[in-house]
N, C-alpha and C. Protein backbone atom coordinates (compact mmCIF):
# COMPACT_ATOMS: atom_id res chain seq x y z
N MET A 1 0.85 -1.18 0.00
CA MET A 1 0.00 0.00 0.00
C MET A 1 0.89 1.24 0.00
N PRO A 2 0.62 2.21 -0.89
CA PRO A 2 1.43 3.42 -0.91
C PRO A 2 1.24 4.26 0.35
N ILE A 3 2.27 4.95 0.71
CA ILE A 3 2.26 5.85 1.86
C ILE A 3 1.71 7.21 1.39
N VAL A 4 0.97 7.87 2.24
CA VAL A 4 0.50 9.23 1.92
C VAL A 4 1.73 10.13 1.82
N PRO A 5 1.88 10.85 0.72
CA PRO A 5 3.07 11.68 0.52
C PRO A 5 3.27 12.71 1.63
N ASP A 6 4.54 12.91 1.98
CA ASP A 6 4.92 13.95 2.94
C ASP A 6 5.11 15.23 2.15
N GLU A 7 4.23 16.18 2.34
CA GLU A 7 4.30 17.43 1.58
C GLU A 7 4.76 18.60 2.43
N LYS A 8 5.32 18.31 3.61
CA LYS A 8 5.81 19.39 4.48
C LYS A 8 7.06 20.03 3.88
N ASP A 9 7.22 21.28 4.14
CA ASP A 9 8.44 21.99 3.76
C ASP A 9 9.39 21.91 4.96
N TRP A 10 10.38 21.05 4.86
CA TRP A 10 11.29 20.80 5.97
C TRP A 10 12.41 21.82 6.10
N THR A 11 12.41 22.88 5.27
CA THR A 11 13.50 23.86 5.37
C THR A 11 13.53 24.59 6.70
N TRP A 12 12.45 24.51 7.47
CA TRP A 12 12.43 25.15 8.79
C TRP A 12 13.53 24.59 9.70
N VAL A 13 14.02 23.39 9.43
CA VAL A 13 15.08 22.82 10.28
C VAL A 13 16.37 23.62 10.19
N LEU A 14 16.45 24.53 9.22
CA LEU A 14 17.64 25.37 9.11
C LEU A 14 17.66 26.47 10.15
N SER A 15 16.51 26.75 10.74
CA SER A 15 16.44 27.86 11.69
C SER A 15 16.12 27.45 13.12
N ARG A 16 15.76 26.19 13.33
CA ARG A 16 15.49 25.76 14.71
C ARG A 16 15.71 24.25 14.85
N THR A 17 15.93 23.84 16.08
CA THR A 17 16.17 22.44 16.39
C THR A 17 14.94 21.60 16.09
N CYS A 18 15.15 20.43 15.51
CA CYS A 18 14.04 19.55 15.20
C CYS A 18 13.53 18.93 16.50
N PRO A 19 12.25 19.11 16.81
CA PRO A 19 11.73 18.58 18.08
C PRO A 19 11.62 17.05 18.10
N GLU A 20 11.61 16.43 16.93
CA GLU A 20 11.50 14.97 16.87
C GLU A 20 12.84 14.26 17.06
N CYS A 21 13.87 14.71 16.35
CA CYS A 21 15.16 14.01 16.39
C CYS A 21 16.25 14.79 17.11
N SER A 22 15.96 16.01 17.54
CA SER A 22 16.89 16.89 18.26
C SER A 22 18.06 17.38 17.41
N PHE A 23 17.94 17.29 16.10
CA PHE A 23 18.99 17.78 15.21
C PHE A 23 19.07 19.30 15.29
N ASP A 24 20.28 19.81 15.49
CA ASP A 24 20.52 21.25 15.56
C ASP A 24 21.39 21.63 14.37
N ALA A 25 20.78 22.18 13.34
CA ALA A 25 21.48 22.51 12.10
C ALA A 25 22.61 23.51 12.31
N SER A 26 22.50 24.36 13.32
CA SER A 26 23.52 25.39 13.52
C SER A 26 24.89 24.81 13.85
N THR A 27 24.94 23.54 14.21
CA THR A 27 26.22 22.91 14.55
C THR A 27 26.90 22.26 13.34
N VAL A 28 26.25 22.32 12.18
CA VAL A 28 26.75 21.61 11.00
C VAL A 28 27.41 22.57 10.01
N THR A 29 28.53 22.14 9.45
CA THR A 29 29.16 22.81 8.32
C THR A 29 29.53 21.71 7.31
N PRO A 30 29.83 22.09 6.08
CA PRO A 30 30.26 21.07 5.13
C PRO A 30 31.45 20.25 5.64
N SER A 31 32.31 20.86 6.43
CA SER A 31 33.48 20.13 6.92
C SER A 31 33.15 19.14 8.03
N THR A 32 32.01 19.30 8.70
CA THR A 32 31.62 18.33 9.74
C THR A 32 30.76 17.20 9.18
N VAL A 33 30.21 17.39 7.99
CA VAL A 33 29.33 16.39 7.39
C VAL A 33 30.02 15.03 7.18
N PRO A 34 31.23 14.98 6.62
CA PRO A 34 31.83 13.67 6.35
C PRO A 34 31.97 12.79 7.59
N GLY A 35 32.46 13.34 8.67
CA GLY A 35 32.61 12.55 9.89
C GLY A 35 31.28 12.05 10.43
N THR A 36 30.26 12.89 10.33
CA THR A 36 28.94 12.47 10.80
C THR A 36 28.39 11.35 9.92
N ILE A 37 28.49 11.50 8.61
CA ILE A 37 28.03 10.43 7.72
C ILE A 37 28.72 9.12 8.08
N LEU A 38 30.04 9.16 8.17
CA LEU A 38 30.79 7.93 8.43
C LEU A 38 30.44 7.32 9.78
N SER A 39 30.07 8.14 10.75
CA SER A 39 29.68 7.60 12.06
C SER A 39 28.28 7.00 12.04
N LEU A 40 27.44 7.43 11.09
CA LEU A 40 26.07 6.93 11.00
C LEU A 40 25.94 5.66 10.15
N LEU A 41 26.86 5.44 9.25
CA LEU A 41 26.75 4.28 8.35
C LEU A 41 26.67 2.95 9.09
N PRO A 42 27.49 2.70 10.12
CA PRO A 42 27.35 1.41 10.82
C PRO A 42 25.97 1.24 11.47
N ARG A 43 25.39 2.33 11.91
CA ARG A 43 24.05 2.25 12.51
C ARG A 43 23.01 1.90 11.46
N TRP A 44 23.13 2.46 10.25
CA TRP A 44 22.23 2.11 9.17
C TRP A 44 22.39 0.64 8.77
N ARG A 45 23.65 0.18 8.73
CA ARG A 45 23.86 -1.24 8.38
C ARG A 45 23.25 -2.15 9.43
N ALA A 46 23.33 -1.78 10.68
CA ALA A 46 22.72 -2.58 11.76
C ALA A 46 21.20 -2.63 11.60
N VAL A 47 20.60 -1.50 11.24
CA VAL A 47 19.15 -1.47 11.00
C VAL A 47 18.78 -2.45 9.89
N LEU A 48 19.58 -2.47 8.85
CA LEU A 48 19.28 -3.32 7.70
C LEU A 48 19.47 -4.82 7.98
N ARG A 49 20.10 -5.15 9.09
CA ARG A 49 20.26 -6.56 9.48
C ARG A 49 19.11 -7.06 10.36
N ARG A 50 18.20 -6.18 10.72
CA ARG A 50 17.09 -6.59 11.58
C ARG A 50 16.18 -7.60 10.84
N PRO A 51 15.69 -8.60 11.55
CA PRO A 51 14.81 -9.58 10.90
C PRO A 51 13.49 -8.97 10.41
N ASP A 52 13.04 -7.91 11.03
CA ASP A 52 11.78 -7.27 10.65
C ASP A 52 11.97 -6.01 9.82
N VAL A 53 13.11 -5.89 9.18
CA VAL A 53 13.47 -4.66 8.47
C VAL A 53 12.45 -4.25 7.41
N ALA A 54 11.76 -5.20 6.81
CA ALA A 54 10.82 -4.89 5.73
C ALA A 54 9.39 -4.70 6.21
N GLU A 55 9.15 -4.82 7.51
CA GLU A 55 7.79 -4.70 8.04
C GLU A 55 7.48 -3.25 8.38
N ARG A 56 6.35 -2.79 7.89
CA ARG A 56 5.90 -1.44 8.23
C ARG A 56 5.28 -1.46 9.62
N PRO A 57 5.58 -0.45 10.44
CA PRO A 57 4.98 -0.40 11.77
C PRO A 57 3.48 -0.15 11.73
N ASP A 58 3.02 0.51 10.67
CA ASP A 58 1.59 0.73 10.45
C ASP A 58 1.41 1.07 8.97
N ASP A 59 0.18 1.23 8.56
CA ASP A 59 -0.11 1.44 7.14
C ASP A 59 0.36 2.79 6.59
N SER A 60 0.70 3.71 7.47
CA SER A 60 1.06 5.05 7.01
C SER A 60 2.55 5.37 7.21
N THR A 61 3.34 4.36 7.57
CA THR A 61 4.76 4.60 7.86
C THR A 61 5.63 3.62 7.10
N TRP A 62 6.69 4.14 6.47
CA TRP A 62 7.63 3.27 5.78
C TRP A 62 8.27 2.28 6.74
N SER A 63 8.68 1.16 6.20
CA SER A 63 9.49 0.20 6.96
C SER A 63 10.92 0.76 7.08
N ALA A 64 11.70 0.17 7.95
CA ALA A 64 13.11 0.57 8.07
C ALA A 64 13.84 0.37 6.74
N LEU A 65 13.50 -0.67 6.02
CA LEU A 65 14.10 -0.91 4.71
C LEU A 65 13.78 0.23 3.74
N GLU A 66 12.53 0.66 3.73
CA GLU A 66 12.14 1.76 2.84
C GLU A 66 12.86 3.06 3.23
N TYR A 67 12.97 3.31 4.53
CA TYR A 67 13.73 4.48 4.96
C TYR A 67 15.19 4.38 4.53
N ALA A 68 15.77 3.22 4.63
CA ALA A 68 17.18 3.04 4.24
C ALA A 68 17.35 3.27 2.73
N CYS A 69 16.40 2.78 1.93
CA CYS A 69 16.44 3.04 0.49
C CYS A 69 16.38 4.54 0.22
N HIS A 70 15.50 5.20 0.95
CA HIS A 70 15.36 6.65 0.81
C HIS A 70 16.68 7.36 1.15
N VAL A 71 17.30 6.97 2.25
CA VAL A 71 18.55 7.62 2.66
C VAL A 71 19.65 7.34 1.64
N ARG A 72 19.69 6.13 1.11
CA ARG A 72 20.66 5.82 0.04
C ARG A 72 20.48 6.82 -1.10
N ASP A 73 19.23 7.06 -1.50
CA ASP A 73 18.95 7.97 -2.60
C ASP A 73 19.19 9.43 -2.21
N VAL A 74 18.99 9.76 -0.95
CA VAL A 74 19.33 11.10 -0.45
C VAL A 74 20.83 11.34 -0.59
N PHE A 75 21.64 10.35 -0.23
CA PHE A 75 23.09 10.49 -0.40
C PHE A 75 23.42 10.81 -1.86
N THR A 76 22.83 10.07 -2.77
CA THR A 76 23.10 10.26 -4.20
C THR A 76 22.63 11.64 -4.66
N LEU A 77 21.40 11.99 -4.33
CA LEU A 77 20.82 13.24 -4.77
C LEU A 77 21.59 14.46 -4.25
N PHE A 78 21.93 14.45 -2.97
CA PHE A 78 22.61 15.62 -2.41
C PHE A 78 24.07 15.69 -2.84
N ASP A 79 24.67 14.57 -3.15
CA ASP A 79 26.01 14.58 -3.74
C ASP A 79 25.94 15.28 -5.10
N GLN A 80 24.93 14.93 -5.89
CA GLN A 80 24.75 15.58 -7.20
C GLN A 80 24.48 17.07 -7.04
N ARG A 81 23.59 17.42 -6.12
CA ARG A 81 23.25 18.84 -5.93
C ARG A 81 24.46 19.64 -5.45
N LEU A 82 25.19 19.08 -4.51
CA LEU A 82 26.39 19.76 -4.03
C LEU A 82 27.36 20.02 -5.17
N ASN A 83 27.63 18.99 -5.96
CA ASN A 83 28.59 19.15 -7.06
C ASN A 83 28.09 20.11 -8.11
N LEU A 84 26.78 20.15 -8.35
CA LEU A 84 26.21 21.13 -9.27
C LEU A 84 26.41 22.54 -8.74
N MET A 85 26.18 22.74 -7.46
CA MET A 85 26.35 24.06 -6.86
C MET A 85 27.81 24.51 -6.90
N LEU A 86 28.72 23.58 -6.76
CA LEU A 86 30.14 23.92 -6.80
C LEU A 86 30.62 24.21 -8.22
N ALA A 87 29.96 23.61 -9.22
CA ALA A 87 30.39 23.75 -10.61
C ALA A 87 29.69 24.88 -11.35
N SER A 88 28.52 25.29 -10.87
CA SER A 88 27.71 26.25 -11.61
C SER A 88 27.36 27.46 -10.75
N ASP A 89 27.47 28.63 -11.37
CA ASP A 89 27.08 29.85 -10.65
C ASP A 89 25.56 30.02 -10.63
N ASP A 90 24.87 29.23 -11.42
CA ASP A 90 23.42 29.36 -11.53
C ASP A 90 22.79 27.98 -11.33
N ALA A 91 23.16 27.31 -10.25
CA ALA A 91 22.68 25.95 -10.01
C ALA A 91 21.18 25.93 -9.79
N ARG A 92 20.52 25.06 -10.51
CA ARG A 92 19.08 24.86 -10.37
C ARG A 92 18.84 23.36 -10.31
N PHE A 93 17.94 22.96 -9.41
CA PHE A 93 17.60 21.54 -9.35
C PHE A 93 16.13 21.38 -9.06
N GLU A 94 15.60 20.29 -9.58
CA GLU A 94 14.18 19.99 -9.42
C GLU A 94 13.88 19.58 -7.98
N ASP A 95 12.69 19.95 -7.53
CA ASP A 95 12.20 19.43 -6.27
C ASP A 95 12.03 17.92 -6.47
N TRP A 96 12.38 17.12 -5.50
CA TRP A 96 12.40 15.66 -5.65
C TRP A 96 11.12 15.06 -5.07
N ASP A 97 10.48 14.22 -5.83
CA ASP A 97 9.30 13.51 -5.36
C ASP A 97 9.75 12.18 -4.76
N GLN A 98 10.04 12.20 -3.47
CA GLN A 98 10.57 11.02 -2.80
C GLN A 98 9.57 9.87 -2.78
N ASP A 99 8.31 10.19 -2.72
CA ASP A 99 7.28 9.15 -2.66
C ASP A 99 7.14 8.44 -4.00
N ARG A 100 7.19 9.18 -5.09
CA ARG A 100 7.16 8.56 -6.41
C ARG A 100 8.39 7.67 -6.60
N THR A 101 9.55 8.16 -6.14
CA THR A 101 10.78 7.37 -6.25
C THR A 101 10.65 6.06 -5.47
N ALA A 102 10.04 6.12 -4.29
CA ALA A 102 9.87 4.91 -3.48
C ALA A 102 9.04 3.86 -4.21
N VAL A 103 8.03 4.30 -4.93
CA VAL A 103 7.19 3.38 -5.70
C VAL A 103 7.93 2.88 -6.93
N GLU A 104 8.53 3.81 -7.67
CA GLU A 104 9.22 3.44 -8.91
C GLU A 104 10.38 2.48 -8.66
N LYS A 105 11.10 2.68 -7.57
CA LYS A 105 12.24 1.81 -7.25
C LYS A 105 11.84 0.63 -6.36
N ASP A 106 10.56 0.53 -6.03
CA ASP A 106 10.03 -0.58 -5.24
C ASP A 106 10.82 -0.78 -3.94
N TYR A 107 10.97 0.30 -3.19
CA TYR A 107 11.69 0.25 -1.93
C TYR A 107 11.21 -0.89 -1.03
N ALA A 108 9.93 -1.13 -1.00
CA ALA A 108 9.36 -2.12 -0.08
C ALA A 108 9.87 -3.53 -0.32
N ASN A 109 10.31 -3.82 -1.53
CA ASN A 109 10.76 -5.18 -1.87
C ASN A 109 12.24 -5.26 -2.16
N ALA A 110 12.99 -4.27 -1.76
CA ALA A 110 14.44 -4.27 -1.99
C ALA A 110 15.12 -5.33 -1.13
N ASP A 111 16.28 -5.75 -1.56
CA ASP A 111 17.11 -6.71 -0.81
C ASP A 111 17.92 -5.92 0.22
N PRO A 112 17.71 -6.16 1.51
CA PRO A 112 18.42 -5.39 2.54
C PRO A 112 19.95 -5.43 2.42
N ALA A 113 20.50 -6.56 2.01
CA ALA A 113 21.96 -6.66 1.86
C ALA A 113 22.45 -5.77 0.73
N VAL A 114 21.71 -5.75 -0.36
CA VAL A 114 22.08 -4.89 -1.49
C VAL A 114 21.94 -3.42 -1.07
N VAL A 115 20.85 -3.09 -0.40
CA VAL A 115 20.65 -1.71 0.06
C VAL A 115 21.77 -1.29 1.01
N SER A 116 22.18 -2.18 1.88
CA SER A 116 23.25 -1.88 2.81
C SER A 116 24.54 -1.52 2.08
N ALA A 117 24.89 -2.31 1.07
CA ALA A 117 26.10 -2.04 0.30
C ALA A 117 25.98 -0.73 -0.47
N GLU A 118 24.82 -0.51 -1.08
CA GLU A 118 24.61 0.72 -1.86
C GLU A 118 24.58 1.95 -0.95
N LEU A 119 23.90 1.86 0.18
CA LEU A 119 23.83 2.98 1.11
C LEU A 119 25.24 3.32 1.61
N THR A 120 26.02 2.31 1.90
CA THR A 120 27.40 2.54 2.35
C THR A 120 28.23 3.22 1.27
N ALA A 121 28.14 2.72 0.05
CA ALA A 121 28.91 3.31 -1.05
C ALA A 121 28.49 4.75 -1.32
N GLU A 122 27.18 4.99 -1.36
CA GLU A 122 26.69 6.34 -1.62
C GLU A 122 27.02 7.28 -0.46
N GLY A 123 26.97 6.76 0.76
CA GLY A 123 27.35 7.56 1.92
C GLY A 123 28.82 7.96 1.86
N HIS A 124 29.67 7.02 1.49
CA HIS A 124 31.11 7.34 1.35
C HIS A 124 31.32 8.38 0.25
N GLN A 125 30.59 8.24 -0.86
CA GLN A 125 30.73 9.20 -1.94
C GLN A 125 30.29 10.60 -1.49
N ALA A 126 29.17 10.70 -0.81
CA ALA A 126 28.71 12.00 -0.32
C ALA A 126 29.71 12.58 0.68
N ALA A 127 30.22 11.75 1.57
CA ALA A 127 31.22 12.21 2.55
C ALA A 127 32.46 12.75 1.84
N GLU A 128 32.89 12.05 0.81
CA GLU A 128 34.07 12.48 0.05
C GLU A 128 33.82 13.84 -0.62
N SER A 129 32.62 14.00 -1.18
CA SER A 129 32.32 15.28 -1.84
C SER A 129 32.26 16.42 -0.84
N PHE A 130 31.62 16.21 0.29
CA PHE A 130 31.57 17.28 1.30
C PHE A 130 32.96 17.57 1.88
N ALA A 131 33.79 16.56 1.99
CA ALA A 131 35.16 16.75 2.51
C ALA A 131 35.98 17.64 1.58
N ALA A 132 35.65 17.66 0.31
CA ALA A 132 36.42 18.45 -0.66
C ALA A 132 35.97 19.90 -0.75
N VAL A 133 34.89 20.26 -0.06
CA VAL A 133 34.37 21.63 -0.15
C VAL A 133 35.30 22.58 0.61
N ARG A 134 35.69 23.62 -0.08
CA ARG A 134 36.53 24.66 0.56
C ARG A 134 35.62 25.67 1.26
N GLU A 135 36.08 26.22 2.34
CA GLU A 135 35.25 27.17 3.11
C GLU A 135 34.80 28.36 2.27
N GLU A 136 35.62 28.80 1.34
CA GLU A 136 35.22 29.93 0.51
C GLU A 136 34.06 29.59 -0.44
N ASP A 137 33.74 28.30 -0.58
CA ASP A 137 32.62 27.89 -1.41
C ASP A 137 31.31 27.72 -0.64
N TRP A 138 31.34 27.85 0.67
CA TRP A 138 30.13 27.67 1.47
C TRP A 138 28.98 28.60 1.06
N PRO A 139 29.25 29.85 0.61
CA PRO A 139 28.15 30.74 0.23
C PRO A 139 27.57 30.48 -1.17
N ARG A 140 28.18 29.59 -1.95
CA ARG A 140 27.66 29.33 -3.30
C ARG A 140 26.20 28.91 -3.22
N LYS A 141 25.42 29.34 -4.22
CA LYS A 141 23.97 29.16 -4.14
C LYS A 141 23.42 28.15 -5.14
N GLY A 142 22.27 27.61 -4.75
CA GLY A 142 21.49 26.74 -5.62
C GLY A 142 20.03 27.01 -5.36
N LEU A 143 19.21 26.82 -6.37
CA LEU A 143 17.79 27.10 -6.26
C LEU A 143 17.00 25.85 -6.63
N ARG A 144 16.16 25.40 -5.71
CA ARG A 144 15.28 24.28 -5.98
C ARG A 144 14.06 24.80 -6.74
N SER A 145 13.48 23.97 -7.57
CA SER A 145 12.39 24.41 -8.44
C SER A 145 11.17 24.93 -7.69
N ASN A 146 11.03 24.59 -6.41
CA ASN A 146 9.89 25.11 -5.63
C ASN A 146 10.19 26.48 -5.03
N GLY A 147 11.37 27.03 -5.34
CA GLY A 147 11.73 28.36 -4.86
C GLY A 147 12.64 28.39 -3.66
N SER A 148 12.90 27.23 -3.04
CA SER A 148 13.79 27.20 -1.89
C SER A 148 15.23 27.43 -2.35
N GLU A 149 15.86 28.44 -1.74
CA GLU A 149 17.26 28.75 -2.06
C GLU A 149 18.16 28.17 -0.98
N PHE A 150 19.25 27.60 -1.42
CA PHE A 150 20.25 27.04 -0.50
C PHE A 150 21.61 27.61 -0.83
N THR A 151 22.45 27.66 0.20
CA THR A 151 23.87 27.83 -0.02
C THR A 151 24.49 26.45 0.22
N VAL A 152 25.74 26.30 -0.09
CA VAL A 152 26.40 25.03 0.20
C VAL A 152 26.31 24.74 1.70
N LEU A 153 26.44 25.78 2.51
CA LEU A 153 26.34 25.60 3.96
C LEU A 153 24.94 25.11 4.36
N THR A 154 23.89 25.79 3.89
CA THR A 154 22.54 25.37 4.29
C THR A 154 22.16 24.03 3.66
N LEU A 155 22.66 23.74 2.46
CA LEU A 155 22.40 22.44 1.85
C LEU A 155 23.00 21.33 2.71
N SER A 156 24.19 21.55 3.24
CA SER A 156 24.81 20.53 4.09
C SER A 156 23.97 20.28 5.34
N ARG A 157 23.40 21.33 5.88
CA ARG A 157 22.57 21.22 7.08
C ARG A 157 21.25 20.51 6.79
N TYR A 158 20.61 20.91 5.71
CA TYR A 158 19.33 20.33 5.31
C TYR A 158 19.51 18.84 5.00
N PHE A 159 20.54 18.52 4.25
CA PHE A 159 20.87 17.14 3.89
C PHE A 159 21.12 16.27 5.12
N LEU A 160 21.98 16.75 6.01
CA LEU A 160 22.34 15.92 7.17
C LEU A 160 21.14 15.70 8.08
N HIS A 161 20.26 16.68 8.19
CA HIS A 161 19.06 16.47 9.00
C HIS A 161 18.27 15.27 8.47
N ASP A 162 18.13 15.16 7.17
CA ASP A 162 17.37 14.07 6.58
C ASP A 162 17.95 12.72 7.01
N VAL A 163 19.25 12.58 6.93
CA VAL A 163 19.92 11.32 7.28
C VAL A 163 19.75 11.01 8.77
N VAL A 164 19.96 12.01 9.61
CA VAL A 164 19.83 11.84 11.06
C VAL A 164 18.37 11.58 11.45
N HIS A 165 17.47 12.35 10.88
CA HIS A 165 16.06 12.22 11.24
C HIS A 165 15.52 10.83 10.92
N HIS A 166 15.87 10.32 9.76
CA HIS A 166 15.35 9.01 9.39
C HIS A 166 15.99 7.89 10.20
N LEU A 167 17.20 8.06 10.65
CA LEU A 167 17.78 7.07 11.56
C LEU A 167 17.00 7.08 12.88
N HIS A 168 16.60 8.26 13.30
CA HIS A 168 15.74 8.40 14.47
C HIS A 168 14.39 7.71 14.22
N ASP A 169 13.83 7.91 13.04
CA ASP A 169 12.55 7.30 12.68
C ASP A 169 12.55 5.78 12.84
N VAL A 170 13.70 5.16 12.57
CA VAL A 170 13.79 3.70 12.62
C VAL A 170 14.47 3.19 13.90
N ASP A 171 14.62 4.08 14.88
CA ASP A 171 15.29 3.73 16.14
C ASP A 171 16.65 3.10 15.92
N GLY A 172 17.43 3.76 15.05
CA GLY A 172 18.76 3.24 14.70
C GLY A 172 19.81 3.63 15.62
C-alpha cells in the first residue's frame, strides 16, 4: 500500500532544532558532514540486518528498509546537488518527489543486503564530496524548483538532517 506523501516543507530545520530528532542545524558545516556520515553508516547497516526490516509499523509509515532506500537515494541526490552548486554559478535543481521514487524503485521489496552495500557506497561518496568543499565555497547558491534557495552551507545542514532524522525514525 502506498504511503500518503509527505508534503511538508522541511526547510524550517535550518532555523530551529528539530523537536522529533533533536537535530541542531547550527552545529553543522560542510566540513563536519563527512565525519557524521561515516559515524552513522554502521548504525544504518545494523538497522538493515534486523529480521523485521521490511515490516511497516503501520499502514502510514515506511518500513526501516524503505527508509534506508530513501537515505541511500538522499546520499546520491545531495552529492549531485552539491557538485552542481560547486560547478555552476546558476545551479538549479528539481524538487524531488521522494514518494514517487519509493514506488518506482520498489523500496518495499528491496534486498536489505544490497541496500546496505549501496547505502554505504553512496554515503562514502557524499562524505568524500563534502570533505572536498573549501570554506570559501560555502556561500555558493542553488535554487530548488519550488523556490527554496540554498547555499552550500545550508544544503549541508538540510541534507544531514534528513539522514539523522530518518535514523531516528527507525530507532537506529
